[in-house]
Amino acid sequence: MFEQFMADFIAKCVADGQNTPAKMCECAEAEASLLEKRIRGIEALRTEQSYLRTIIRKLGGSKQIRRSKIPTVRVDASVSEADLDPYTRKLCVDICSYLENFGDKKTARDVMDSVASINEHSSVYLAIKWLADKGILKRDESSYDHPVIIRGDNWEKRPRQNDEDGK
């Protein structure tokens, strides 16, 4: 798959007069930058869509709005923040923002219900697990009816909205 993409990209560059590896790299960087801007726009639309669904739910809207199924991406402790797919990274940012704004000691269910629709709970759970594996969050099982999520030792290294490149 990648080989075909690369061959097509090189053929397109040559057709456009970009015949050197340096020129092809410039072209690839420009296209990657454009794609990043488009992805950010889509993420902003997704956030707005989520807010609108929350408004409908909170105002007692009668029509259930369904969201297309988002494929589950394998996320484990070996994946760096920079290598997270944009959707999972956004969920991590949303989870941390929620805990920062509404305090620790929330159950996983509270977090899942607050940051995403029920169809996305498995993705939110994976994001919580990734954050816990990185030490950004941790489970506190002491003196509560249910385990709660609290800030971990690496809380200051959490993904933030303004960290566009995941660093």
N, C-alpha and C. Protein backbone atom coordinates (compact mmCIF):
# COMPACT_ATOMS: atom_id res chain seq x y z
N MET A 1 0.82 -1.19 0.00
CA MET A 1 0.00 0.00 0.00
C MET A 1 0.87 1.26 0.00
N PHE A 2 1.84 1.32 0.94
CA PHE A 2 2.69 2.49 0.99
C PHE A 2 3.53 2.62 -0.28
N GLU A 3 4.02 1.49 -0.76
CA GLU A 3 4.86 1.53 -1.97
C GLU A 3 4.10 2.12 -3.14
N GLN A 4 2.83 1.75 -3.27
CA GLN A 4 2.00 2.28 -4.35
C GLN A 4 1.77 3.78 -4.17
N PHE A 5 1.50 4.18 -2.92
CA PHE A 5 1.31 5.60 -2.63
C PHE A 5 2.57 6.39 -2.99
N MET A 6 3.73 5.86 -2.60
CA MET A 6 4.99 6.54 -2.89
C MET A 6 5.24 6.63 -4.39
N ALA A 7 4.98 5.54 -5.10
CA ALA A 7 5.17 5.54 -6.56
C ALA A 7 4.24 6.57 -7.21
N ASP A 8 3.00 6.62 -6.78
CA ASP A 8 2.05 7.60 -7.32
C ASP A 8 2.48 9.02 -7.00
N PHE A 9 2.96 9.23 -5.77
CA PHE A 9 3.41 10.56 -5.37
C PHE A 9 4.61 11.02 -6.20
N ILE A 10 5.58 10.14 -6.40
CA ILE A 10 6.76 10.48 -7.20
C ILE A 10 6.35 10.77 -8.65
N ALA A 11 5.45 9.96 -9.19
CA ALA A 11 4.98 10.19 -10.57
C ALA A 11 4.29 11.55 -10.68
N LYS A 12 3.50 11.90 -9.67
CA LYS A 12 2.84 13.21 -9.68
C LYS A 12 3.87 14.33 -9.61
N CYS A 13 4.89 14.18 -8.77
CA CYS A 13 5.93 15.19 -8.65
C CYS A 13 6.67 15.38 -9.97
N VAL A 14 7.03 14.28 -10.59
CA VAL A 14 7.74 14.35 -11.87
C VAL A 14 6.87 15.03 -12.92
N ALA A 15 5.58 14.69 -12.94
CA ALA A 15 4.67 15.32 -13.89
C ALA A 15 4.56 16.82 -13.65
N ASP A 16 4.72 17.25 -12.38
CA ASP A 16 4.66 18.67 -12.02
C ASP A 16 6.02 19.36 -12.12
N GLY A 17 7.05 18.64 -12.61
CA GLY A 17 8.37 19.24 -12.77
C GLY A 17 9.23 19.20 -11.53
N GLN A 18 8.82 18.49 -10.51
CA GLN A 18 9.60 18.35 -9.28
C GLN A 18 10.45 17.08 -9.42
N ASN A 19 11.63 17.21 -10.01
CA ASN A 19 12.42 16.04 -10.38
C ASN A 19 13.50 15.64 -9.39
N THR A 20 13.79 16.45 -8.40
CA THR A 20 14.86 16.10 -7.45
C THR A 20 14.23 15.65 -6.12
N PRO A 21 14.96 14.82 -5.38
CA PRO A 21 14.46 14.40 -4.06
C PRO A 21 14.16 15.60 -3.15
N ALA A 22 14.98 16.64 -3.21
CA ALA A 22 14.75 17.82 -2.37
C ALA A 22 13.42 18.49 -2.74
N LYS A 23 13.14 18.63 -4.02
CA LYS A 23 11.88 19.23 -4.47
C LYS A 23 10.69 18.34 -4.10
N MET A 24 10.88 17.02 -4.21
CA MET A 24 9.81 16.10 -3.83
C MET A 24 9.52 16.18 -2.33
N CYS A 25 10.58 16.33 -1.53
CA CYS A 25 10.40 16.48 -0.09
C CYS A 25 9.65 17.77 0.23
N GLU A 26 9.99 18.85 -0.47
CA GLU A 26 9.27 20.12 -0.28
C GLU A 26 7.79 19.95 -0.61
N CYS A 27 7.52 19.25 -1.68
CA CYS A 27 6.13 19.00 -2.10
C CYS A 27 5.41 18.15 -1.05
N ALA A 28 6.07 17.12 -0.54
CA ALA A 28 5.47 16.26 0.49
C ALA A 28 5.20 17.04 1.76
N GLU A 29 6.16 17.90 2.16
CA GLU A 29 5.97 18.72 3.36
C GLU A 29 4.79 19.68 3.20
N ALA A 30 4.68 20.28 2.02
CA ALA A 30 3.57 21.21 1.77
C ALA A 30 2.22 20.47 1.84
N GLU A 31 2.16 19.29 1.22
CA GLU A 31 0.91 18.52 1.25
C GLU A 31 0.59 18.05 2.66
N ALA A 32 1.61 17.62 3.41
CA ALA A 32 1.39 17.19 4.80
C ALA A 32 0.86 18.34 5.64
N SER A 33 1.38 19.53 5.40
CA SER A 33 0.93 20.71 6.14
C SER A 33 -0.54 21.01 5.82
N LEU A 34 -0.90 20.93 4.54
CA LEU A 34 -2.29 21.14 4.15
C LEU A 34 -3.22 20.11 4.78
N LEU A 35 -2.77 18.86 4.79
CA LEU A 35 -3.59 17.81 5.40
C LEU A 35 -3.76 18.05 6.90
N GLU A 36 -2.70 18.49 7.56
CA GLU A 36 -2.78 18.78 9.00
C GLU A 36 -3.82 19.87 9.27
N LYS A 37 -3.85 20.90 8.44
CA LYS A 37 -4.85 21.97 8.59
C LYS A 37 -6.26 21.42 8.39
N ARG A 38 -6.43 20.56 7.40
CA ARG A 38 -7.74 19.97 7.16
C ARG A 38 -8.16 19.08 8.32
N ILE A 39 -7.22 18.32 8.88
CA ILE A 39 -7.52 17.45 10.02
C ILE A 39 -7.94 18.28 11.22
N ARG A 40 -7.24 19.38 11.48
CA ARG A 40 -7.61 20.26 12.59
C ARG A 40 -9.02 20.80 12.40
N GLY A 41 -9.36 21.12 11.17
CA GLY A 41 -10.71 21.60 10.88
C GLY A 41 -11.75 20.53 11.15
N ILE A 42 -11.45 19.31 10.77
CA ILE A 42 -12.36 18.19 11.01
C ILE A 42 -12.50 17.95 12.51
N GLU A 43 -11.39 18.02 13.24
CA GLU A 43 -11.45 17.83 14.68
C GLU A 43 -12.31 18.92 15.33
N ALA A 44 -12.21 20.14 14.85
CA ALA A 44 -13.03 21.23 15.38
C ALA A 44 -14.51 20.96 15.09
N LEU A 45 -14.80 20.44 13.90
CA LEU A 45 -16.19 20.10 13.56
C LEU A 45 -16.70 18.96 14.44
N ARG A 46 -15.84 17.99 14.71
CA ARG A 46 -16.22 16.87 15.58
C ARG A 46 -16.56 17.36 16.98
N THR A 47 -15.76 18.30 17.48
CA THR A 47 -16.01 18.87 18.81
C THR A 47 -17.34 19.60 18.81
N GLU A 48 -17.57 20.42 17.79
CA GLU A 48 -18.83 21.15 17.69
C GLU A 48 -20.01 20.19 17.60
N GLN A 49 -19.86 19.13 16.82
CA GLN A 49 -20.90 18.13 16.68
C GLN A 49 -21.19 17.47 18.03
N SER A 50 -20.15 17.16 18.77
CA SER A 50 -20.30 16.55 20.08
C SER A 50 -21.05 17.48 21.03
N TYR A 51 -20.70 18.76 21.00
CA TYR A 51 -21.39 19.74 21.84
C TYR A 51 -22.87 19.84 21.48
N LEU A 52 -23.16 19.84 20.19
CA LEU A 52 -24.55 19.91 19.76
C LEU A 52 -25.34 18.68 20.20
N ARG A 53 -24.72 17.51 20.12
CA ARG A 53 -25.38 16.28 20.59
C ARG A 53 -25.63 16.35 22.08
N THR A 54 -24.68 16.91 22.81
CA THR A 54 -24.86 17.06 24.25
C THR A 54 -26.01 18.01 24.55
N ILE A 55 -26.09 19.09 23.79
CA ILE A 55 -27.20 20.03 23.97
C ILE A 55 -28.53 19.33 23.72
N ILE A 56 -28.61 18.56 22.65
CA ILE A 56 -29.84 17.83 22.33
C ILE A 56 -30.19 16.88 23.47
N ARG A 57 -29.19 16.16 23.97
CA ARG A 57 -29.42 15.20 25.05
C ARG A 57 -29.86 15.92 26.33
N LYS A 58 -29.18 17.02 26.67
CA LYS A 58 -29.49 17.75 27.91
C LYS A 58 -30.83 18.47 27.84
N LEU A 59 -31.23 18.88 26.65
CA LEU A 59 -32.52 19.56 26.50
C LEU A 59 -33.67 18.59 26.26
N GLY A 60 -33.36 17.31 26.30
CA GLY A 60 -34.40 16.30 26.16
C GLY A 60 -34.87 16.08 24.75
N GLY A 61 -33.99 16.29 23.79
CA GLY A 61 -34.37 16.07 22.40
C GLY A 61 -34.87 14.66 22.20
N SER A 62 -35.88 14.51 21.37
CA SER A 62 -36.50 13.21 21.20
C SER A 62 -35.81 12.36 20.13
N LYS A 63 -35.13 12.98 19.23
CA LYS A 63 -34.50 12.23 18.15
C LYS A 63 -33.08 11.86 18.52
N GLN A 64 -32.78 10.59 18.43
CA GLN A 64 -31.42 10.11 18.69
C GLN A 64 -30.58 10.31 17.45
N ILE A 65 -29.50 11.06 17.58
CA ILE A 65 -28.60 11.29 16.45
C ILE A 65 -27.52 10.23 16.50
N ARG A 66 -27.37 9.52 15.44
CA ARG A 66 -26.37 8.45 15.40
C ARG A 66 -25.12 8.94 14.72
N ARG A 67 -24.03 8.47 15.20
CA ARG A 67 -22.73 8.83 14.67
C ARG A 67 -22.15 7.63 13.94
N SER A 68 -21.42 7.90 12.89
CA SER A 68 -20.80 6.80 12.19
C SER A 68 -19.78 6.12 13.09
N LYS A 69 -19.63 4.84 12.90
CA LYS A 69 -18.72 4.04 13.73
C LYS A 69 -17.29 4.46 13.46
N ILE A 70 -16.55 4.72 14.54
CA ILE A 70 -15.14 5.08 14.44
C ILE A 70 -14.33 3.83 14.71
N PRO A 71 -13.43 3.47 13.80
CA PRO A 71 -12.67 2.25 14.02
C PRO A 71 -11.79 2.38 15.26
N THR A 72 -11.71 1.29 16.02
CA THR A 72 -10.87 1.27 17.21
C THR A 72 -9.42 1.11 16.78
N VAL A 73 -8.57 1.94 17.34
CA VAL A 73 -7.15 1.91 17.02
C VAL A 73 -6.42 1.33 18.21
N ARG A 74 -5.47 0.45 17.96
CA ARG A 74 -4.70 -0.14 19.05
C ARG A 74 -3.82 0.94 19.67
N VAL A 75 -3.98 1.11 20.98
CA VAL A 75 -3.23 2.12 21.72
C VAL A 75 -2.68 1.45 22.97
N ASP A 76 -1.36 1.49 23.12
CA ASP A 76 -0.78 0.95 24.35
C ASP A 76 0.36 1.86 24.80
N ALA A 77 0.98 1.52 25.91
CA ALA A 77 1.98 2.39 26.52
C ALA A 77 3.18 2.64 25.60
N SER A 78 3.42 1.77 24.63
CA SER A 78 4.57 1.96 23.75
C SER A 78 4.33 3.07 22.72
N VAL A 79 3.08 3.49 22.55
CA VAL A 79 2.75 4.54 21.58
C VAL A 79 3.00 5.90 22.23
N SER A 80 3.82 6.71 21.58
CA SER A 80 4.08 8.05 22.11
C SER A 80 2.92 8.97 21.78
N GLU A 81 2.87 10.10 22.48
CA GLU A 81 1.79 11.06 22.21
C GLU A 81 1.83 11.52 20.75
N ALA A 82 3.03 11.75 20.24
CA ALA A 82 3.16 12.20 18.85
C ALA A 82 2.63 11.17 17.85
N ASP A 83 2.64 9.89 18.25
CA ASP A 83 2.19 8.83 17.34
C ASP A 83 0.73 8.45 17.52
N LEU A 84 0.04 9.07 18.48
CA LEU A 84 -1.39 8.80 18.64
C LEU A 84 -2.14 9.31 17.41
N ASP A 85 -3.17 8.58 17.02
CA ASP A 85 -3.97 9.11 15.93
C ASP A 85 -4.68 10.36 16.44
N PRO A 86 -5.00 11.31 15.56
CA PRO A 86 -5.57 12.60 15.99
C PRO A 86 -6.83 12.45 16.84
N TYR A 87 -7.69 11.50 16.53
CA TYR A 87 -8.92 11.33 17.29
C TYR A 87 -8.62 10.89 18.73
N THR A 88 -7.73 9.92 18.90
CA THR A 88 -7.38 9.45 20.25
C THR A 88 -6.68 10.56 21.03
N ARG A 89 -5.82 11.31 20.36
CA ARG A 89 -5.15 12.43 21.04
C ARG A 89 -6.18 13.46 21.50
N LYS A 90 -7.16 13.74 20.67
CA LYS A 90 -8.21 14.69 21.04
C LYS A 90 -8.98 14.18 22.25
N LEU A 91 -9.28 12.89 22.27
CA LEU A 91 -9.96 12.32 23.43
C LEU A 91 -9.11 12.48 24.69
N CYS A 92 -7.80 12.25 24.57
CA CYS A 92 -6.91 12.42 25.73
C CYS A 92 -6.94 13.87 26.22
N VAL A 93 -6.89 14.81 25.29
CA VAL A 93 -6.96 16.24 25.67
C VAL A 93 -8.29 16.52 26.35
N ASP A 94 -9.39 16.01 25.79
CA ASP A 94 -10.72 16.24 26.36
C ASP A 94 -10.85 15.64 27.76
N ILE A 95 -10.30 14.45 27.95
CA ILE A 95 -10.35 13.79 29.26
C ILE A 95 -9.59 14.62 30.29
N CYS A 96 -8.38 15.04 29.94
CA CYS A 96 -7.58 15.85 30.87
C CYS A 96 -8.24 17.19 31.15
N SER A 97 -8.81 17.80 30.14
CA SER A 97 -9.51 19.08 30.33
C SER A 97 -10.71 18.89 31.26
N TYR A 98 -11.45 17.82 31.07
CA TYR A 98 -12.60 17.53 31.92
C TYR A 98 -12.15 17.39 33.38
N LEU A 99 -11.11 16.60 33.62
CA LEU A 99 -10.64 16.40 34.99
C LEU A 99 -10.07 17.69 35.58
N GLU A 100 -9.44 18.48 34.74
CA GLU A 100 -8.89 19.75 35.21
C GLU A 100 -10.01 20.72 35.59
N ASN A 101 -11.06 20.76 34.79
CA ASN A 101 -12.16 21.71 35.02
C ASN A 101 -13.15 21.25 36.08
N PHE A 102 -13.36 19.94 36.20
CA PHE A 102 -14.39 19.44 37.12
C PHE A 102 -13.81 18.62 38.27
N GLY A 103 -12.49 18.59 38.37
CA GLY A 103 -11.86 17.91 39.49
C GLY A 103 -11.64 16.43 39.26
N ASP A 104 -10.69 15.91 40.03
CA ASP A 104 -10.39 14.48 39.99
C ASP A 104 -11.54 13.71 40.62
N LYS A 105 -11.24 12.48 40.91
CA LYS A 105 -12.15 11.60 41.63
C LYS A 105 -13.45 11.39 40.87
N LYS A 106 -13.30 11.17 39.58
CA LYS A 106 -14.43 10.83 38.72
C LYS A 106 -14.29 9.36 38.33
N THR A 107 -15.40 8.68 38.23
CA THR A 107 -15.33 7.30 37.75
C THR A 107 -15.07 7.31 36.25
N ALA A 108 -14.60 6.18 35.76
CA ALA A 108 -14.38 6.07 34.31
C ALA A 108 -15.69 6.32 33.56
N ARG A 109 -16.79 5.86 34.11
CA ARG A 109 -18.10 6.07 33.48
C ARG A 109 -18.44 7.56 33.41
N ASP A 110 -18.16 8.31 34.50
CA ASP A 110 -18.41 9.76 34.50
C ASP A 110 -17.63 10.42 33.36
N VAL A 111 -16.37 10.03 33.23
CA VAL A 111 -15.51 10.62 32.20
C VAL A 111 -16.03 10.26 30.82
N MET A 112 -16.34 8.98 30.62
CA MET A 112 -16.81 8.54 29.30
C MET A 112 -18.10 9.26 28.92
N ASP A 113 -19.03 9.38 29.86
CA ASP A 113 -20.30 10.04 29.56
C ASP A 113 -20.12 11.53 29.29
N SER A 114 -19.10 12.14 29.87
CA SER A 114 -18.92 13.58 29.74
C SER A 114 -18.16 13.99 28.48
N VAL A 115 -17.29 13.14 27.99
CA VAL A 115 -16.45 13.57 26.86
C VAL A 115 -16.87 12.98 25.52
N ALA A 116 -17.78 11.99 25.51
CA ALA A 116 -18.13 11.37 24.23
C ALA A 116 -19.49 10.69 24.32
N SER A 117 -20.01 10.35 23.15
CA SER A 117 -21.28 9.63 23.09
C SER A 117 -21.05 8.18 23.49
N ILE A 118 -22.14 7.50 23.76
CA ILE A 118 -22.04 6.10 24.20
C ILE A 118 -21.37 5.23 23.13
N ASN A 119 -21.53 5.59 21.87
CA ASN A 119 -20.90 4.82 20.79
C ASN A 119 -19.38 4.92 20.81
N GLU A 120 -18.87 5.91 21.51
CA GLU A 120 -17.42 6.14 21.54
C GLU A 120 -16.78 5.70 22.85
N HIS A 121 -17.55 5.10 23.75
CA HIS A 121 -17.02 4.76 25.06
C HIS A 121 -15.79 3.86 24.99
N SER A 122 -15.76 2.93 24.06
CA SER A 122 -14.58 2.05 23.99
C SER A 122 -13.34 2.86 23.59
N SER A 123 -13.50 3.84 22.74
CA SER A 123 -12.36 4.70 22.37
C SER A 123 -11.91 5.56 23.55
N VAL A 124 -12.88 6.05 24.33
CA VAL A 124 -12.55 6.86 25.50
C VAL A 124 -11.83 5.99 26.53
N TYR A 125 -12.32 4.76 26.70
CA TYR A 125 -11.68 3.86 27.65
C TYR A 125 -10.22 3.60 27.25
N LEU A 126 -9.97 3.40 25.96
CA LEU A 126 -8.59 3.20 25.49
C LEU A 126 -7.74 4.43 25.76
N ALA A 127 -8.32 5.61 25.58
CA ALA A 127 -7.58 6.85 25.86
C ALA A 127 -7.27 6.97 27.35
N ILE A 128 -8.23 6.62 28.22
CA ILE A 128 -8.00 6.63 29.66
C ILE A 128 -6.88 5.65 30.01
N LYS A 129 -6.93 4.47 29.41
CA LYS A 129 -5.91 3.46 29.66
C LYS A 129 -4.54 3.97 29.22
N TRP A 130 -4.45 4.60 28.05
CA TRP A 130 -3.17 5.13 27.58
C TRP A 130 -2.65 6.19 28.56
N LEU A 131 -3.53 7.09 29.01
CA LEU A 131 -3.13 8.12 29.96
C LEU A 131 -2.65 7.49 31.27
N ALA A 132 -3.30 6.44 31.71
CA ALA A 132 -2.88 5.76 32.94
C ALA A 132 -1.55 5.05 32.74
N ASP A 133 -1.37 4.40 31.58
CA ASP A 133 -0.11 3.72 31.30
C ASP A 133 1.06 4.70 31.27
N LYS A 134 0.78 5.94 30.86
CA LYS A 134 1.83 6.97 30.80
C LYS A 134 2.01 7.67 32.15
N GLY A 135 1.21 7.32 33.15
CA GLY A 135 1.32 7.93 34.47
C GLY A 135 0.67 9.30 34.58
N ILE A 136 -0.07 9.68 33.56
CA ILE A 136 -0.75 10.98 33.56
C ILE A 136 -1.99 10.90 34.45
N LEU A 137 -2.65 9.76 34.42
CA LEU A 137 -3.79 9.48 35.30
C LEU A 137 -3.48 8.21 36.08
N LYS A 138 -4.20 8.02 37.17
CA LYS A 138 -4.12 6.75 37.87
C LYS A 138 -5.45 6.47 38.55
N ARG A 139 -5.64 5.20 38.88
CA ARG A 139 -6.86 4.77 39.56
C ARG A 139 -6.64 4.84 41.06
N ASP A 140 -7.63 5.36 41.75
CA ASP A 140 -7.59 5.39 43.21
C ASP A 140 -8.73 4.52 43.70
N GLU A 141 -8.38 3.42 44.36
CA GLU A 141 -9.39 2.48 44.82
C GLU A 141 -9.64 2.57 46.32
N SER A 142 -9.05 3.56 46.97
CA SER A 142 -9.18 3.67 48.42
C SER A 142 -10.40 4.50 48.82
N SER A 143 -11.14 4.02 49.75
CA SER A 143 -12.26 4.69 50.41
C SER A 143 -13.36 5.22 49.48
N TYR A 144 -13.58 4.58 48.36
CA TYR A 144 -14.66 4.96 47.46
C TYR A 144 -15.47 3.72 47.11
N ASP A 145 -16.73 3.91 46.79
CA ASP A 145 -17.56 2.77 46.38
C ASP A 145 -17.06 2.17 45.07
N HIS A 146 -16.60 3.05 44.18
CA HIS A 146 -16.07 2.61 42.89
C HIS A 146 -14.70 3.24 42.71
N PRO A 147 -13.80 2.56 42.01
CA PRO A 147 -12.49 3.19 41.74
C PRO A 147 -12.70 4.49 40.97
N VAL A 148 -11.89 5.47 41.28
CA VAL A 148 -11.99 6.76 40.60
C VAL A 148 -10.68 7.08 39.91
N ILE A 149 -10.75 7.99 38.96
CA ILE A 149 -9.58 8.43 38.22
C ILE A 149 -9.07 9.72 38.85
N ILE A 150 -7.78 9.75 39.13
CA ILE A 150 -7.16 10.94 39.69
C ILE A 150 -5.92 11.29 38.87
N ARG A 151 -5.38 12.45 39.12
CA ARG A 151 -4.17 12.88 38.43
C ARG A 151 -3.00 12.00 38.86
N GLY A 152 -2.20 11.60 37.86
CA GLY A 152 -1.04 10.78 38.14
C GLY A 152 0.21 11.63 38.34
N ASP A 153 1.31 10.94 38.59
CA ASP A 153 2.58 11.62 38.82
C ASP A 153 3.05 12.42 37.61
N ASN A 154 2.64 12.03 36.41
CA ASN A 154 3.06 12.71 35.18
C ASN A 154 1.98 13.66 34.65
N TRP A 155 1.10 14.15 35.52
CA TRP A 155 0.00 15.02 35.12
C TRP A 155 0.49 16.20 34.29
N GLU A 156 1.61 16.77 34.66
CA GLU A 156 2.13 17.94 33.94
C GLU A 156 2.55 17.61 32.51
N LYS A 157 2.71 16.35 32.19
CA LYS A 157 3.10 15.93 30.83
C LYS A 157 1.88 15.55 30.00
N ARG A 158 0.68 15.91 30.47
CA ARG A 158 -0.55 15.54 29.78
C ARG A 158 -0.65 16.24 28.42
N PRO A 159 -1.36 15.62 27.48
CA PRO A 159 -1.60 16.28 26.19
C PRO A 159 -2.47 17.52 26.41
N ARG A 160 -2.13 18.56 25.71
CA ARG A 160 -2.89 19.82 25.84
C ARG A 160 -3.36 20.26 24.47
N GLN A 161 -4.42 21.03 24.47
CA GLN A 161 -5.02 21.50 23.21
C GLN A 161 -4.02 22.27 22.35
N ASN A 162 -3.19 23.09 22.96
CA ASN A 162 -2.28 23.94 22.18
C ASN A 162 -1.03 23.21 21.72
N ASP A 163 -0.86 21.94 22.10
CA ASP A 163 0.29 21.15 21.65
C ASP A 163 -0.07 20.49 20.32
N GLU A 164 0.06 21.21 19.24
CA GLU A 164 -0.40 20.73 17.95
C GLU A 164 0.35 19.50 17.46
N ASP A 165 1.64 19.43 17.79
CA ASP A 165 2.45 18.33 17.27
C ASP A 165 2.57 17.18 18.25
N GLY A 166 1.88 17.26 19.40
CA GLY A 166 1.92 16.17 20.36
C GLY A 166 3.18 16.11 21.15
N LYS A 167 3.88 17.24 21.29
CA LYS A 167 5.13 17.24 22.06
C LYS A 167 5.00 18.16 23.24
